[in-house]
């Protein structure tokens, strides 16, 4: 029972400390810059800079860099949530980009067999 409460507490703390703004920006960029497909792989291109931005962000306020401690449960939960959001955003942007892509009018709409 104590393990359950530790997991709930770690999840709660991870979601409170989650900074998704850099992830949204990088995911939108990656989704628009690269073609559709393999969103799970492209999400790494969005998560890594987002984590680095979140680590370096305290420099803006005159504090030191806060590197994430990957041994903590909160950090692992944050990375999983960021990765899942990155995959979802990149897939959504890729699908939207494909829908809004211009249609090739040289191809017939209905193929005659």
C-alpha atoms as a PDB file:
ATOM      1  CA  UNK A   1       0.000   0.000   0.000  1.00  0.00           C
ATOM      2  CA  UNK A   2       2.878   2.325   0.748  1.00  0.00           C
ATOM      3  CA  UNK A   3       4.294   1.732  -2.743  1.00  0.00           C
ATOM      4  CA  UNK A   4       0.957   2.772  -4.252  1.00  0.00           C
ATOM      5  CA  UNK A   5       0.962   6.057  -2.332  1.00  0.00           C
ATOM      6  CA  UNK A   6       4.574   6.660  -3.331  1.00  0.00           C
ATOM      7  CA  UNK A   7       3.607   6.190  -6.996  1.00  0.00           C
ATOM      8  CA  UNK A   8       0.612   8.514  -6.634  1.00  0.00           C
ATOM      9  CA  UNK A   9       2.770  11.146  -4.955  1.00  0.00           C
ATOM     10  CA  UNK A  10       5.512  10.844  -7.595  1.00  0.00           C
ATOM     11  CA  UNK A  11       2.950  11.067 -10.410  1.00  0.00           C
ATOM     12  CA  UNK A  12       1.331  14.103  -8.837  1.00  0.00           C
ATOM     13  CA  UNK A  13       4.685  15.858  -8.389  1.00  0.00           C
ATOM     14  CA  UNK A  14       5.748  14.962 -11.939  1.00  0.00           C
ATOM     15  CA  UNK A  15       2.608  16.388 -13.493  1.00  0.00           C
ATOM     16  CA  UNK A  16       2.855  19.570 -11.429  1.00  0.00           C
ATOM     17  CA  UNK A  17       6.457  20.147 -12.528  1.00  0.00           C
ATOM     18  CA  UNK A  18       5.842  19.291 -16.181  1.00  0.00           C
ATOM     19  CA  UNK A  19       6.867  21.992 -18.654  1.00  0.00           C
ATOM     20  CA  UNK A  20       5.146  21.226 -21.953  1.00  0.00           C
ATOM     21  CA  UNK A  21       5.612  24.566 -23.740  1.00  0.00           C
ATOM     22  CA  UNK A  22       9.035  23.675 -25.248  1.00  0.00           C
ATOM     23  CA  UNK A  23       7.679  20.261 -26.232  1.00  0.00           C
ATOM     24  CA  UNK A  24       4.712  21.800 -28.036  1.00  0.00           C
ATOM     25  CA  UNK A  25       6.989  24.181 -29.952  1.00  0.00           C
ATOM     26  CA  UNK A  26       9.507  21.501 -30.965  1.00  0.00           C
ATOM     27  CA  UNK A  27       6.785  18.945 -31.770  1.00  0.00           C
ATOM     28  CA  UNK A  28       4.995  21.402 -34.047  1.00  0.00           C
ATOM     29  CA  UNK A  29       8.298  22.184 -35.785  1.00  0.00           C
ATOM     30  CA  UNK A  30       9.255  18.517 -36.194  1.00  0.00           C
ATOM     31  CA  UNK A  31       5.758  17.615 -37.386  1.00  0.00           C
ATOM     32  CA  UNK A  32       5.804  20.350 -40.020  1.00  0.00           C
ATOM     33  CA  UNK A  33       9.436  19.901 -41.099  1.00  0.00           C
ATOM     34  CA  UNK A  34       9.470  16.142 -41.640  1.00  0.00           C
ATOM     35  CA  UNK A  35       7.175  13.857 -43.601  1.00  0.00           C
ATOM     36  CA  UNK A  36       4.437  11.733 -42.131  1.00  0.00           C
ATOM     37  CA  UNK A  37       5.170   8.420 -40.460  1.00  0.00           C
ATOM     38  CA  UNK A  38       7.440   7.178 -37.669  1.00  0.00           C
ATOM     39  CA  UNK A  39       6.062   9.689 -35.146  1.00  0.00           C
ATOM     40  CA  UNK A  40       7.449   7.562 -32.325  1.00  0.00           C
ATOM     41  CA  UNK A  41      10.973   8.124 -33.650  1.00  0.00           C
ATOM     42  CA  UNK A  42      10.500  11.820 -34.406  1.00  0.00           C
ATOM     43  CA  UNK A  43       9.199  12.411 -30.888  1.00  0.00           C
ATOM     44  CA  UNK A  44      12.751  11.925 -29.645  1.00  0.00           C
ATOM     45  CA  UNK A  45      13.763  14.918 -31.778  1.00  0.00           C
ATOM     46  CA  UNK A  46      11.216  16.974 -29.857  1.00  0.00           C
ATOM     47  CA  UNK A  47      11.679  15.572 -26.341  1.00  0.00           C
ATOM     48  CA  UNK A  48      15.464  15.958 -26.126  1.00  0.00           C
ATOM     49  CA  UNK A  49      15.549  19.721 -26.869  1.00  0.00           C
ATOM     50  CA  UNK A  50      12.476  20.253 -24.684  1.00  0.00           C
ATOM     51  CA  UNK A  51      14.216  18.617 -21.715  1.00  0.00           C
ATOM     52  CA  UNK A  52      17.387  20.625 -22.394  1.00  0.00           C
ATOM     53  CA  UNK A  53      15.403  23.893 -22.562  1.00  0.00           C
ATOM     54  CA  UNK A  54      13.697  23.041 -19.276  1.00  0.00           C
ATOM     55  CA  UNK A  55      17.104  22.330 -17.698  1.00  0.00           C
ATOM     56  CA  UNK A  56      18.705  25.563 -18.930  1.00  0.00           C
ATOM     57  CA  UNK A  57      15.642  27.786 -18.351  1.00  0.00           C
ATOM     58  CA  UNK A  58      16.659  28.837 -14.786  1.00  0.00           C
ATOM     59  CA  UNK A  59      19.648  30.668 -16.306  1.00  0.00           C
ATOM     60  CA  UNK A  60      17.177  33.316 -17.491  1.00  0.00           C
ATOM     61  CA  UNK A  61      16.452  34.163 -13.851  1.00  0.00           C
ATOM     62  CA  UNK A  62      20.090  34.095 -12.763  1.00  0.00           C
ATOM     63  CA  UNK A  63      19.982  30.624 -11.198  1.00  0.00           C
ATOM     64  CA  UNK A  64      22.112  27.657 -12.173  1.00  0.00           C
ATOM     65  CA  UNK A  65      21.312  24.891 -14.618  1.00  0.00           C
ATOM     66  CA  UNK A  66      19.064  22.206 -13.144  1.00  0.00           C
ATOM     67  CA  UNK A  67      19.869  18.890 -14.788  1.00  0.00           C
ATOM     68  CA  UNK A  68      17.168  16.232 -14.468  1.00  0.00           C
ATOM     69  CA  UNK A  69      17.944  13.308 -12.184  1.00  0.00           C
ATOM     70  CA  UNK A  70      17.068  10.279 -14.269  1.00  0.00           C
ATOM     71  CA  UNK A  71      17.118   8.047 -11.195  1.00  0.00           C
ATOM     72  CA  UNK A  72      14.028   9.749  -9.774  1.00  0.00           C
ATOM     73  CA  UNK A  73      10.558   8.377 -10.434  1.00  0.00           C
ATOM     74  CA  UNK A  74       9.220  11.892 -11.145  1.00  0.00           C
ATOM     75  CA  UNK A  75      11.704  12.405 -13.975  1.00  0.00           C
ATOM     76  CA  UNK A  76      10.850   9.052 -15.533  1.00  0.00           C
ATOM     77  CA  UNK A  77       7.126   9.857 -15.408  1.00  0.00           C
ATOM     78  CA  UNK A  78       7.758  13.286 -16.934  1.00  0.00           C
ATOM     79  CA  UNK A  79       9.779  11.773 -19.776  1.00  0.00           C
ATOM     80  CA  UNK A  80       7.081   9.207 -20.537  1.00  0.00           C
ATOM     81  CA  UNK A  81       4.371  11.888 -20.529  1.00  0.00           C
ATOM     82  CA  UNK A  82       6.477  14.223 -22.698  1.00  0.00           C
ATOM     83  CA  UNK A  83       7.237  11.403 -25.126  1.00  0.00           C
ATOM     84  CA  UNK A  84       3.562  10.388 -25.390  1.00  0.00           C
ATOM     85  CA  UNK A  85       2.498  14.009 -25.946  1.00  0.00           C
ATOM     86  CA  UNK A  86       5.263  14.422 -28.527  1.00  0.00           C
ATOM     87  CA  UNK A  87       4.106  11.358 -30.468  1.00  0.00           C
ATOM     88  CA  UNK A  88       0.493  12.562 -30.376  1.00  0.00           C
ATOM     89  CA  UNK A  89       1.299  16.125 -31.465  1.00  0.00           C
ATOM     90  CA  UNK A  90       3.623  15.019 -34.276  1.00  0.00           C
ATOM     91  CA  UNK A  91       1.079  12.481 -35.563  1.00  0.00           C
ATOM     92  CA  UNK A  92      -1.681  15.090 -35.420  1.00  0.00           C
ATOM     93  CA  UNK A  93       0.405  17.692 -37.256  1.00  0.00           C
ATOM     94  CA  UNK A  94       1.489  15.107 -39.839  1.00  0.00           C
ATOM     95  CA  UNK A  95      -2.107  14.081 -40.471  1.00  0.00           C
ATOM     96  CA  UNK A  96      -3.229  17.685 -40.714  1.00  0.00           C
ATOM     97  CA  UNK A  97      -0.393  18.478 -43.090  1.00  0.00           C
ATOM     98  CA  UNK A  98      -1.342  15.544 -45.306  1.00  0.00           C
ATOM     99  CA  UNK A  99      -5.005  16.575 -45.349  1.00  0.00           C
ATOM    100  CA  UNK A 100      -4.150  20.158 -46.268  1.00  0.00           C
ATOM    101  CA  UNK A 101      -1.581  19.170 -48.914  1.00  0.00           C
ATOM    102  CA  UNK A 102      -2.522  20.171 -52.443  1.00  0.00           C
ATOM    103  CA  UNK A 103      -4.206  17.491 -54.521  1.00  0.00           C
ATOM    104  CA  UNK A 104      -2.436  16.312 -57.664  1.00  0.00           C
ATOM    105  CA  UNK A 105      -4.866  17.189 -60.439  1.00  0.00           C
ATOM    106  CA  UNK A 106      -2.866  15.321 -63.100  1.00  0.00           C
ATOM    107  CA  UNK A 107      -3.986  12.003 -61.616  1.00  0.00           C
ATOM    108  CA  UNK A 108      -7.551  10.957 -62.298  1.00  0.00           C
ATOM    109  CA  UNK A 109      -9.718  10.895 -59.199  1.00  0.00           C
ATOM    110  CA  UNK A 110     -11.261   7.548 -60.136  1.00  0.00           C
ATOM    111  CA  UNK A 111      -9.092   4.949 -61.796  1.00  0.00           C
ATOM    112  CA  UNK A 112     -10.710   3.004 -64.618  1.00  0.00           C
ATOM    113  CA  UNK A 113      -9.912  -0.698 -64.479  1.00  0.00           C
END
